[in-house]
Amino acid sequence: WLLARDAYHVGLSGVIYALWSYLLIYGVMRRSV
């Protein structure tokens, strides 16, 4: 809402990318099996 270009942004993909990067970064940083 604050920073994107002027257009309607719809869909779940922003949340999907958040879950994706969370899982990647968490695993690399946490280093549990």
PDB file of all heavy atoms in Angstrom:
ATOM      1  N   TRP A   1       0.826  -1.210   0.000  1.00  0.00           N
ATOM      2  CA  TRP A   1       0.000   0.000   0.000  1.00  0.00           C
ATOM      3  C   TRP A   1       0.862   1.263   0.000  1.00  0.00           C
ATOM      4  O   TRP A   1       0.555   2.239  -0.676  1.00  0.00           O
ATOM      5  CB  TRP A   1      -0.945  -0.004   1.204  1.00  0.00           C
ATOM      6  CG  TRP A   1      -1.897   1.142   1.204  1.00  0.00           C
ATOM      7  CD1 TRP A   1      -3.065   1.242   0.489  1.00  0.00           C
ATOM      8  CD2 TRP A   1      -1.758   2.371   1.907  1.00  0.00           C
ATOM      9  NE1 TRP A   1      -3.662   2.461   0.725  1.00  0.00           N
ATOM     10  CE2 TRP A   1      -2.877   3.176   1.588  1.00  0.00           C
ATOM     11  CE3 TRP A   1      -0.804   2.874   2.779  1.00  0.00           C
ATOM     12  CZ2 TRP A   1      -3.064   4.446   2.121  1.00  0.00           C
ATOM     13  CZ3 TRP A   1      -0.993   4.141   3.309  1.00  0.00           C
ATOM     14  CH2 TRP A   1      -2.111   4.916   2.973  1.00  0.00           C
ATOM     15  N   LEU A   2       1.940   1.246   0.740  1.00  0.00           N
ATOM     16  CA  LEU A   2       2.800   2.429   0.846  1.00  0.00           C
ATOM     17  C   LEU A   2       3.707   2.642  -0.371  1.00  0.00           C
ATOM     18  O   LEU A   2       3.930   3.770  -0.791  1.00  0.00           O
ATOM     19  CB  LEU A   2       3.703   2.316   2.084  1.00  0.00           C
ATOM     20  CG  LEU A   2       3.066   2.617   3.416  1.00  0.00           C
ATOM     21  CD1 LEU A   2       4.006   2.230   4.555  1.00  0.00           C
ATOM     22  CD2 LEU A   2       2.703   4.094   3.511  1.00  0.00           C
ATOM     23  N   LEU A   3       4.220   1.552  -0.954  1.00  0.00           N
ATOM     24  CA  LEU A   3       5.344   1.688  -1.881  1.00  0.00           C
ATOM     25  C   LEU A   3       5.143   1.150  -3.302  1.00  0.00           C
ATOM     26  O   LEU A   3       5.989   1.408  -4.158  1.00  0.00           O
ATOM     27  CB  LEU A   3       6.581   0.997  -1.273  1.00  0.00           C
ATOM     28  CG  LEU A   3       7.019   1.542   0.088  1.00  0.00           C
ATOM     29  CD1 LEU A   3       8.039   0.613   0.730  1.00  0.00           C
ATOM     30  CD2 LEU A   3       7.557   2.952  -0.052  1.00  0.00           C
ATOM     31  N   ALA A   4       4.080   0.427  -3.548  1.00  0.00           N
ATOM     32  CA  ALA A   4       3.921  -0.214  -4.855  1.00  0.00           C
ATOM     33  C   ALA A   4       3.399   0.766  -5.911  1.00  0.00           C
ATOM     34  O   ALA A   4       2.943   1.866  -5.603  1.00  0.00           O
ATOM     35  CB  ALA A   4       2.979  -1.407  -4.743  1.00  0.00           C
ATOM     36  N   ARG A   5       3.458   0.329  -7.143  1.00  0.00           N
ATOM     37  CA  ARG A   5       2.948   1.150  -8.259  1.00  0.00           C
ATOM     38  C   ARG A   5       1.431   1.215  -8.206  1.00  0.00           C
ATOM     39  O   ARG A   5       0.773   0.380  -7.592  1.00  0.00           O
ATOM     40  CB  ARG A   5       3.428   0.585  -9.590  1.00  0.00           C
ATOM     41  CG  ARG A   5       2.891  -0.779  -9.892  1.00  0.00           C
ATOM     42  CD  ARG A   5       3.658  -1.435 -11.031  1.00  0.00           C
ATOM     43  NE  ARG A   5       3.826  -2.830 -10.694  1.00  0.00           N
ATOM     44  CZ  ARG A   5       3.511  -3.835 -11.475  1.00  0.00           C
ATOM     45  NH1 ARG A   5       3.078  -3.613 -12.694  1.00  0.00           N
ATOM     46  NH2 ARG A   5       3.662  -5.063 -11.076  1.00  0.00           N
ATOM     47  N   ASP A   6       0.887   2.223  -8.867  1.00  0.00           N
ATOM     48  CA  ASP A   6      -0.562   2.433  -8.883  1.00  0.00           C
ATOM     49  C   ASP A   6      -1.249   1.389  -9.752  1.00  0.00           C
ATOM     50  O   ASP A   6      -1.209   1.461 -10.981  1.00  0.00           O
ATOM     51  CB  ASP A   6      -0.893   3.843  -9.391  1.00  0.00           C
ATOM     52  CG  ASP A   6      -0.498   4.914  -8.397  1.00  0.00           C
ATOM     53  OD1 ASP A   6      -0.366   4.594  -7.206  1.00  0.00           O
ATOM     54  OD2 ASP A   6      -0.317   6.071  -8.809  1.00  0.00           O
ATOM     55  N   ALA A   7      -1.851   0.440  -9.096  1.00  0.00           N
ATOM     56  CA  ALA A   7      -2.625  -0.628  -9.742  1.00  0.00           C
ATOM     57  C   ALA A   7      -3.263  -1.423  -8.609  1.00  0.00           C
ATOM     58  O   ALA A   7      -2.833  -1.324  -7.454  1.00  0.00           O
ATOM     59  CB  ALA A   7      -1.728  -1.532 -10.576  1.00  0.00           C
ATOM     60  N   TYR A   8      -4.279  -2.195  -8.918  1.00  0.00           N
ATOM     61  CA  TYR A   8      -4.859  -3.069  -7.908  1.00  0.00           C
ATOM     62  C   TYR A   8      -3.973  -4.299  -7.763  1.00  0.00           C
ATOM     63  O   TYR A   8      -3.692  -4.986  -8.737  1.00  0.00           O
ATOM     64  CB  TYR A   8      -6.283  -3.481  -8.280  1.00  0.00           C
ATOM     65  CG  TYR A   8      -7.281  -2.385  -8.031  1.00  0.00           C
ATOM     66  CD1 TYR A   8      -7.766  -1.616  -9.076  1.00  0.00           C
ATOM     67  CD2 TYR A   8      -7.717  -2.107  -6.742  1.00  0.00           C
ATOM     68  CE1 TYR A   8      -8.675  -0.591  -8.847  1.00  0.00           C
ATOM     69  CE2 TYR A   8      -8.631  -1.088  -6.499  1.00  0.00           C
ATOM     70  CZ  TYR A   8      -9.093  -0.337  -7.554  1.00  0.00           C
ATOM     71  OH  TYR A   8      -9.993   0.677  -7.308  1.00  0.00           O
ATOM     72  N   HIS A   9      -3.530  -4.562  -6.550  1.00  0.00           N
ATOM     73  CA  HIS A   9      -2.692  -5.716  -6.244  1.00  0.00           C
ATOM     74  C   HIS A   9      -3.563  -6.734  -5.518  1.00  0.00           C
ATOM     75  O   HIS A   9      -4.084  -6.442  -4.433  1.00  0.00           O
ATOM     76  CB  HIS A   9      -1.506  -5.294  -5.367  1.00  0.00           C
ATOM     77  CG  HIS A   9      -0.610  -4.305  -6.032  1.00  0.00           C
ATOM     78  ND1 HIS A   9       0.575  -4.673  -6.637  1.00  0.00           N
ATOM     79  CD2 HIS A   9      -0.729  -2.963  -6.212  1.00  0.00           C
ATOM     80  CE1 HIS A   9       1.154  -3.596  -7.140  1.00  0.00           C
ATOM     81  NE2 HIS A   9       0.380  -2.544  -6.902  1.00  0.00           N
ATOM     82  N   VAL A  10      -3.745  -7.899  -6.127  1.00  0.00           N
ATOM     83  CA  VAL A  10      -4.600  -8.932  -5.548  1.00  0.00           C
ATOM     84  C   VAL A  10      -3.839 -10.251  -5.477  1.00  0.00           C
ATOM     85  O   VAL A  10      -2.873 -10.466  -6.198  1.00  0.00           O
ATOM     86  CB  VAL A  10      -5.901  -9.132  -6.367  1.00  0.00           C
ATOM     87  CG1 VAL A  10      -6.750  -7.876  -6.355  1.00  0.00           C
ATOM     88  CG2 VAL A  10      -5.610  -9.583  -7.783  1.00  0.00           C
ATOM     89  N   GLY A  11      -4.308 -11.119  -4.605  1.00  0.00           N
ATOM     90  CA  GLY A  11      -3.767 -12.466  -4.516  1.00  0.00           C
ATOM     91  C   GLY A  11      -2.993 -12.707  -3.238  1.00  0.00           C
ATOM     92  O   GLY A  11      -2.668 -11.794  -2.489  1.00  0.00           O
ATOM     93  N   LEU A  12      -2.685 -13.948  -3.035  1.00  0.00           N
ATOM     94  CA  LEU A  12      -2.042 -14.449  -1.827  1.00  0.00           C
ATOM     95  C   LEU A  12      -0.526 -14.503  -1.956  1.00  0.00           C
ATOM     96  O   LEU A  12       0.168 -14.860  -1.014  1.00  0.00           O
ATOM     97  CB  LEU A  12      -2.607 -15.852  -1.547  1.00  0.00           C
ATOM     98  CG  LEU A  12      -2.398 -16.538  -0.234  1.00  0.00           C
ATOM     99  CD1 LEU A  12      -2.870 -15.679   0.930  1.00  0.00           C
ATOM    100  CD2 LEU A  12      -3.129 -17.870  -0.216  1.00  0.00           C
ATOM    101  N   SER A  13       0.010 -14.118  -3.099  1.00  0.00           N
ATOM    102  CA  SER A  13       1.430 -14.342  -3.343  1.00  0.00           C
ATOM    103  C   SER A  13       2.355 -13.562  -2.420  1.00  0.00           C
ATOM    104  O   SER A  13       3.442 -14.035  -2.089  1.00  0.00           O
ATOM    105  CB  SER A  13       1.791 -14.082  -4.809  1.00  0.00           C
ATOM    106  OG  SER A  13       1.473 -12.763  -5.168  1.00  0.00           O
ATOM    107  N   GLY A  14       1.980 -12.382  -1.956  1.00  0.00           N
ATOM    108  CA  GLY A  14       2.826 -11.664  -1.007  1.00  0.00           C
ATOM    109  C   GLY A  14       2.993 -12.448   0.284  1.00  0.00           C
ATOM    110  O   GLY A  14       4.096 -12.548   0.839  1.00  0.00           O
ATOM    111  N   VAL A  15       1.904 -13.033   0.760  1.00  0.00           N
ATOM    112  CA  VAL A  15       1.951 -13.867   1.961  1.00  0.00           C
ATOM    113  C   VAL A  15       2.762 -15.124   1.684  1.00  0.00           C
ATOM    114  O   VAL A  15       3.569 -15.558   2.523  1.00  0.00           O
ATOM    115  CB  VAL A  15       0.524 -14.216   2.439  1.00  0.00           C
ATOM    116  CG1 VAL A  15       0.554 -15.187   3.603  1.00  0.00           C
ATOM    117  CG2 VAL A  15      -0.238 -12.951   2.803  1.00  0.00           C
ATOM    118  N   ILE A  16       2.595 -15.699   0.508  1.00  0.00           N
ATOM    119  CA  ILE A  16       3.353 -16.897   0.132  1.00  0.00           C
ATOM    120  C   ILE A  16       4.844 -16.605   0.143  1.00  0.00           C
ATOM    121  O   ILE A  16       5.646 -17.389   0.665  1.00  0.00           O
ATOM    122  CB  ILE A  16       2.890 -17.409  -1.254  1.00  0.00           C
ATOM    123  CG1 ILE A  16       1.480 -17.978  -1.138  1.00  0.00           C
ATOM    124  CG2 ILE A  16       3.865 -18.432  -1.822  1.00  0.00           C
ATOM    125  CD1 ILE A  16       0.785 -18.206  -2.463  1.00  0.00           C
ATOM    126  N   TYR A  17       5.232 -15.487  -0.425  1.00  0.00           N
ATOM    127  CA  TYR A  17       6.646 -15.120  -0.429  1.00  0.00           C
ATOM    128  C   TYR A  17       7.162 -14.889   0.990  1.00  0.00           C
ATOM    129  O   TYR A  17       8.329 -15.186   1.292  1.00  0.00           O
ATOM    130  CB  TYR A  17       6.895 -13.895  -1.306  1.00  0.00           C
ATOM    131  CG  TYR A  17       7.231 -14.282  -2.723  1.00  0.00           C
ATOM    132  CD1 TYR A  17       6.238 -14.634  -3.624  1.00  0.00           C
ATOM    133  CD2 TYR A  17       8.550 -14.332  -3.153  1.00  0.00           C
ATOM    134  CE1 TYR A  17       6.540 -15.006  -4.916  1.00  0.00           C
ATOM    135  CE2 TYR A  17       8.868 -14.697  -4.443  1.00  0.00           C
ATOM    136  CZ  TYR A  17       7.862 -15.043  -5.324  1.00  0.00           C
ATOM    137  OH  TYR A  17       8.179 -15.430  -6.605  1.00  0.00           O
ATOM    138  N   ALA A  18       6.327 -14.375   1.865  1.00  0.00           N
ATOM    139  CA  ALA A  18       6.734 -14.190   3.260  1.00  0.00           C
ATOM    140  C   ALA A  18       6.977 -15.547   3.929  1.00  0.00           C
ATOM    141  O   ALA A  18       7.991 -15.732   4.616  1.00  0.00           O
ATOM    142  CB  ALA A  18       5.684 -13.386   4.019  1.00  0.00           C
ATOM    143  N   LEU A  19       6.077 -16.497   3.725  1.00  0.00           N
ATOM    144  CA  LEU A  19       6.258 -17.826   4.311  1.00  0.00           C
ATOM    145  C   LEU A  19       7.498 -18.507   3.736  1.00  0.00           C
ATOM    146  O   LEU A  19       8.284 -19.138   4.455  1.00  0.00           O
ATOM    147  CB  LEU A  19       5.022 -18.697   4.069  1.00  0.00           C
ATOM    148  CG  LEU A  19       3.687 -18.199   4.622  1.00  0.00           C
ATOM    149  CD1 LEU A  19       2.584 -19.219   4.367  1.00  0.00           C
ATOM    150  CD2 LEU A  19       3.774 -17.852   6.087  1.00  0.00           C
ATOM    151  N   TRP A  20       7.673 -18.365   2.432  1.00  0.00           N
ATOM    152  CA  TRP A  20       8.823 -18.949   1.722  1.00  0.00           C
ATOM    153  C   TRP A  20      10.136 -18.426   2.294  1.00  0.00           C
ATOM    154  O   TRP A  20      11.016 -19.203   2.667  1.00  0.00           O
ATOM    155  CB  TRP A  20       8.676 -18.622   0.235  1.00  0.00           C
ATOM    156  CG  TRP A  20       9.841 -18.921  -0.625  1.00  0.00           C
ATOM    157  CD1 TRP A  20      10.238 -20.153  -1.088  1.00  0.00           C
ATOM    158  CD2 TRP A  20      10.772 -17.984  -1.177  1.00  0.00           C
ATOM    159  NE1 TRP A  20      11.346 -20.020  -1.886  1.00  0.00           N
ATOM    160  CE2 TRP A  20      11.692 -18.698  -1.953  1.00  0.00           C
ATOM    161  CE3 TRP A  20      10.905 -16.600  -1.082  1.00  0.00           C
ATOM    162  CZ2 TRP A  20      12.732 -18.082  -2.640  1.00  0.00           C
ATOM    163  CZ3 TRP A  20      11.933 -15.983  -1.766  1.00  0.00           C
ATOM    164  CH2 TRP A  20      12.843 -16.721  -2.529  1.00  0.00           C
ATOM    165  N   SER A  21      10.269 -17.106   2.380  1.00  0.00           N
ATOM    166  CA  SER A  21      11.537 -16.553   2.849  1.00  0.00           C
ATOM    167  C   SER A  21      11.727 -16.794   4.346  1.00  0.00           C
ATOM    168  O   SER A  21      12.847 -16.992   4.810  1.00  0.00           O
ATOM    169  CB  SER A  21      11.668 -15.074   2.508  1.00  0.00           C
ATOM    170  OG  SER A  21      10.735 -14.301   3.212  1.00  0.00           O
ATOM    171  N   TYR A  22      10.632 -16.802   5.098  1.00  0.00           N
ATOM    172  CA  TYR A  22      10.734 -17.137   6.517  1.00  0.00           C
ATOM    173  C   TYR A  22      11.362 -18.519   6.678  1.00  0.00           C
ATOM    174  O   TYR A  22      12.308 -18.700   7.448  1.00  0.00           O
ATOM    175  CB  TYR A  22       9.351 -17.113   7.184  1.00  0.00           C
ATOM    176  CG  TYR A  22       9.408 -17.586   8.621  1.00  0.00           C
ATOM    177  CD1 TYR A  22       9.607 -16.678   9.647  1.00  0.00           C
ATOM    178  CD2 TYR A  22       9.303 -18.935   8.944  1.00  0.00           C
ATOM    179  CE1 TYR A  22       9.696 -17.103  10.973  1.00  0.00           C
ATOM    180  CE2 TYR A  22       9.402 -19.375  10.252  1.00  0.00           C
ATOM    181  CZ  TYR A  22       9.599 -18.465  11.251  1.00  0.00           C
ATOM    182  OH  TYR A  22       9.706 -18.898  12.558  1.00  0.00           O
ATOM    183  N   LEU A  23      10.826 -19.500   5.973  1.00  0.00           N
ATOM    184  CA  LEU A  23      11.314 -20.874   6.106  1.00  0.00           C
ATOM    185  C   LEU A  23      12.769 -21.009   5.666  1.00  0.00           C
ATOM    186  O   LEU A  23      13.559 -21.715   6.297  1.00  0.00           O
ATOM    187  CB  LEU A  23      10.421 -21.832   5.319  1.00  0.00           C
ATOM    188  CG  LEU A  23       9.029 -22.039   5.912  1.00  0.00           C
ATOM    189  CD1 LEU A  23       8.103 -22.690   4.899  1.00  0.00           C
ATOM    190  CD2 LEU A  23       9.100 -22.844   7.202  1.00  0.00           C
ATOM    191  N   LEU A  24      13.133 -20.332   4.592  1.00  0.00           N
ATOM    192  CA  LEU A  24      14.522 -20.390   4.120  1.00  0.00           C
ATOM    193  C   LEU A  24      15.476 -19.760   5.132  1.00  0.00           C
ATOM    194  O   LEU A  24      16.484 -20.369   5.518  1.00  0.00           O
ATOM    195  CB  LEU A  24      14.658 -19.683   2.772  1.00  0.00           C
ATOM    196  CG  LEU A  24      14.109 -20.411   1.567  1.00  0.00           C
ATOM    197  CD1 LEU A  24      14.186 -19.519   0.327  1.00  0.00           C
ATOM    198  CD2 LEU A  24      14.860 -21.713   1.322  1.00  0.00           C
ATOM    199  N   ILE A  25      15.191 -18.546   5.546  1.00  0.00           N
ATOM    200  CA  ILE A  25      16.084 -17.822   6.451  1.00  0.00           C
ATOM    201  C   ILE A  25      16.109 -18.476   7.837  1.00  0.00           C
ATOM    202  O   ILE A  25      17.173 -18.623   8.444  1.00  0.00           O
ATOM    203  CB  ILE A  25      15.680 -16.333   6.556  1.00  0.00           C
ATOM    204  CG1 ILE A  25      15.778 -15.653   5.192  1.00  0.00           C
ATOM    205  CG2 ILE A  25      16.517 -15.606   7.606  1.00  0.00           C
ATOM    206  CD1 ILE A  25      17.148 -15.671   4.561  1.00  0.00           C
ATOM    207  N   TYR A  26      14.959 -18.884   8.309  1.00  0.00           N
ATOM    208  CA  TYR A  26      14.899 -19.530   9.620  1.00  0.00           C
ATOM    209  C   TYR A  26      15.792 -20.771   9.640  1.00  0.00           C
ATOM    210  O   TYR A  26      16.562 -20.977  10.570  1.00  0.00           O
ATOM    211  CB  TYR A  26      13.457 -19.898   9.981  1.00  0.00           C
ATOM    212  CG  TYR A  26      13.336 -20.517  11.355  1.00  0.00           C
ATOM    213  CD1 TYR A  26      13.253 -19.704  12.475  1.00  0.00           C
ATOM    214  CD2 TYR A  26      13.332 -21.893  11.536  1.00  0.00           C
ATOM    215  CE1 TYR A  26      13.168 -20.250  13.751  1.00  0.00           C
ATOM    216  CE2 TYR A  26      13.248 -22.453  12.795  1.00  0.00           C
ATOM    217  CZ  TYR A  26      13.173 -21.636  13.892  1.00  0.00           C
ATOM    218  OH  TYR A  26      13.101 -22.184  15.151  1.00  0.00           O
ATOM    219  N   GLY A  27      15.690 -21.596   8.627  1.00  0.00           N
ATOM    220  CA  GLY A  27      16.488 -22.828   8.590  1.00  0.00           C
ATOM    221  C   GLY A  27      17.979 -22.566   8.533  1.00  0.00           C
ATOM    222  O   GLY A  27      18.765 -23.217   9.233  1.00  0.00           O
ATOM    223  N   VAL A  28      18.374 -21.604   7.727  1.00  0.00           N
ATOM    224  CA  VAL A  28      19.791 -21.274   7.600  1.00  0.00           C
ATOM    225  C   VAL A  28      20.330 -20.705   8.916  1.00  0.00           C
ATOM    226  O   VAL A  28      21.437 -21.045   9.350  1.00  0.00           O
ATOM    227  CB  VAL A  28      20.006 -20.264   6.441  1.00  0.00           C
ATOM    228  CG1 VAL A  28      21.410 -19.700   6.459  1.00  0.00           C
ATOM    229  CG2 VAL A  28      19.712 -20.938   5.108  1.00  0.00           C
ATOM    230  N   MET A  29      19.556 -19.856   9.545  1.00  0.00           N
ATOM    231  CA  MET A  29      20.011 -19.200  10.777  1.00  0.00           C
ATOM    232  C   MET A  29      19.873 -20.101  12.012  1.00  0.00           C
ATOM    233  O   MET A  29      20.740 -20.107  12.868  1.00  0.00           O
ATOM    234  CB  MET A  29      19.213 -17.909  11.008  1.00  0.00           C
ATOM    235  CG  MET A  29      19.389 -16.857   9.944  1.00  0.00           C
ATOM    236  SD  MET A  29      21.073 -16.249   9.814  1.00  0.00           S
ATOM    237  CE  MET A  29      21.272 -15.490  11.404  1.00  0.00           C
ATOM    238  N   ARG A  30      18.811 -20.865  12.095  1.00  0.00           N
ATOM    239  CA  ARG A  30      18.550 -21.687  13.281  1.00  0.00           C
ATOM    240  C   ARG A  30      19.460 -22.901  13.322  1.00  0.00           C
ATOM    241  O   ARG A  30      19.931 -23.305  14.358  1.00  0.00           O
ATOM    242  CB  ARG A  30      17.073 -22.109  13.290  1.00  0.00           C
ATOM    243  CG  ARG A  30      16.684 -23.050  14.402  1.00  0.00           C
ATOM    244  CD  ARG A  30      16.782 -22.365  15.761  1.00  0.00           C
ATOM    245  NE  ARG A  30      16.317 -23.234  16.808  1.00  0.00           N
ATOM    246  CZ  ARG A  30      17.091 -24.065  17.500  1.00  0.00           C
ATOM    247  NH1 ARG A  30      18.372 -24.132  17.253  1.00  0.00           N
ATOM    248  NH2 ARG A  30      16.585 -24.830  18.445  1.00  0.00           N
ATOM    249  N   ARG A  31      19.666 -23.515  12.197  1.00  0.00           N
ATOM    250  CA  ARG A  31      20.585 -24.647  12.020  1.00  0.00           C
ATOM    251  C   ARG A  31      20.237 -25.882  12.835  1.00  0.00           C
ATOM    252  O   ARG A  31      21.114 -26.647  13.206  1.00  0.00           O
ATOM    253  CB  ARG A  31      22.023 -24.222  12.286  1.00  0.00           C
ATOM    254  CG  ARG A  31      22.503 -23.225  11.279  1.00  0.00           C
ATOM    255  CD  ARG A  31      23.966 -23.018  11.357  1.00  0.00           C
ATOM    256  NE  ARG A  31      24.339 -22.042  10.345  1.00  0.00           N
ATOM    257  CZ  ARG A  31      25.329 -21.218  10.455  1.00  0.00           C
ATOM    258  NH1 ARG A  31      26.093 -21.247  11.520  1.00  0.00           N
ATOM    259  NH2 ARG A  31      25.596 -20.373   9.507  1.00  0.00           N
ATOM    260  N   SER A  32      18.965 -26.088  13.098  1.00  0.00           N
ATOM    261  CA  SER A  32      18.556 -27.369  13.675  1.00  0.00           C
ATOM    262  C   SER A  32      18.348 -28.327  12.507  1.00  0.00           C
ATOM    263  O   SER A  32      18.174 -27.900  11.362  1.00  0.00           O
ATOM    264  CB  SER A  32      17.262 -27.223  14.477  1.00  0.00           C
ATOM    265  OG  SER A  32      16.157 -26.991  13.625  1.00  0.00           O
ATOM    266  N   VAL A  33      18.361 -29.602  12.778  1.00  0.00           N
ATOM    267  CA  VAL A  33      18.200 -30.592  11.711  1.00  0.00           C
ATOM    268  C   VAL A  33      16.866 -30.379  11.003  1.00  0.00           C
ATOM    269  O   VAL A  33      16.800 -30.348   9.768  1.00  0.00           O
ATOM    270  CB  VAL A  33      18.317 -32.032  12.267  1.00  0.00           C
ATOM    271  CG1 VAL A  33      17.967 -33.053  11.196  1.00  0.00           C
ATOM    272  CG2 VAL A  33      19.713 -32.277  12.811  1.00  0.00           C
TER     273      VAL A  33
END
